[in-house]
Amino acid sequence: MADRESDIEVRVLERISDINRSDWDECAGADNPFLCHDFLSSLEESLSVSAEEGWLPRHIVANDPNGVMAAAMPLYLKGHSQGEYVFDHSWAHAWEKAGGQYYPKLLSAVPFTPVTGKRFLVRPGLDLATYENVLVQALLKVVEQTNVATLHVNFLTRGEWERMGSLGFLQRSGQQFHWTNANYQTFQDFLDALSSRKRKNIKKEREAVYKQGVKMSVFTGDSLRTEHWDAFYRFYRNTTDKKWGWDYLKRPFFSYLHERMPDRVALVMAEYEGEWVAGALNLIGSDTLYGRNWGCSDNFKNLHFEACYYQAIEFAIERGLKRVEAGAQGQHKLQRGYLPAQTYSIHYIVDPNFRRAVEDFLERELEAVGEEIEFLEEFSPFKKVSG
């Protein structure tokens, strides 16, 4: 029997460290490493996520009538739209041009992480509909209390997206590129599934890396060392300084990651003449390898493809993982075996006129995303299956 919503206690907390680790993880589940307490607390305790950085935690927790934590939701009051990967800068510009105040806004997401996962975290065995509704009502109450113009929930699951859409939230869709393991036993099995031209291209790209004298290694668990993280952080900063000028992740974050969840890390490192020259950070889920950050200290032909895509595929095959999600954007991933996949977000706009304008835009965008995915699928690198 479902708990009565009137008997459920809801709190809003400003630090995830104020939430019991095992209770949070029980609600979040073990599939997605980015939702675990260790990952989110590492972001906060390293000050990668903080009020000073424009991310003020406002996590929602719901306790059942017996006082046991039953549901939760990661939530942030944000002073900008950086580090989200669902772009609303044009919305902010339009609303502010009309005389409104777009920031701060509310966002439920994993900071700096364009990875699909649950956002409405409900302890297994409880009535999902009841506790999702509790979280929705809590969200709307926080919107009212903070007097924000918008609320966003990014990279939620399709099921959540559909259920929230039925409640009147605006639905948005995006597109990434994911690799799927078709029960491959070796990397060669994957290559054999490709068309001849694409297979030869990948072989040439990989050979070019090794002909330059670059050596590749993957570190996880006990094989990870501080020297690896020191080098990787240098690469990460080199890339952020060139591309964005904003190092979202602070150096202590990687130390916390090493201390708290090393077995869920797969750190690809490239070595040249005895020196580390590049790295790619992946996190390991129950059935998916998630590519996150990349950096290098010098230019080596095709090294980005090798470190970020091919090493990830090899690792996934060895571990028997079903998928590799290589992050946001990048049509260049298509010819390397990563096919288009849909992503989802929902949005709540307080002002009715602003809402209508955004809703009209999203209807047209949703259709365009669907058409783009269909178009890109025509360029699949895999062999055509005859009917």
Foldseek 3Di string as FASTA:
>chain_A
DAADLVLKDKAWDQALVVPDQVLQCLLQDFFDPLSHSLQQNLCVVQVLADVVVFWGWGKMWIAGNVRRTFKIFTKTFGFDPPQAQPDDVVLCVVQVVVVHHQPREMETDRGNAQEAGAGTGGRPPHDSVSSVVSVVVVVVVVCVVVVHFKYKYWRYDPVVQVVVVVVPWFKFKAKAWKFFDPLDQAVVSVLVQFDPVLSVVVVVLVVQQVVQVKDKDKDADPRDDPVLLVVAVVFQVVVCCVPPNDNSDDSSSVVSCNVPPRNQWIKMWMDHPRDTFKIWIWGHGPQEIETRTIGGNDDGGSPCCCHQPVVRVRVNSVVVHGMYGRDGDDLVCQSVRTAMDMGMMTMDGDDPVSVVVVSVVRVVNRVVNVVVNVVSVVVHRGDDDDD
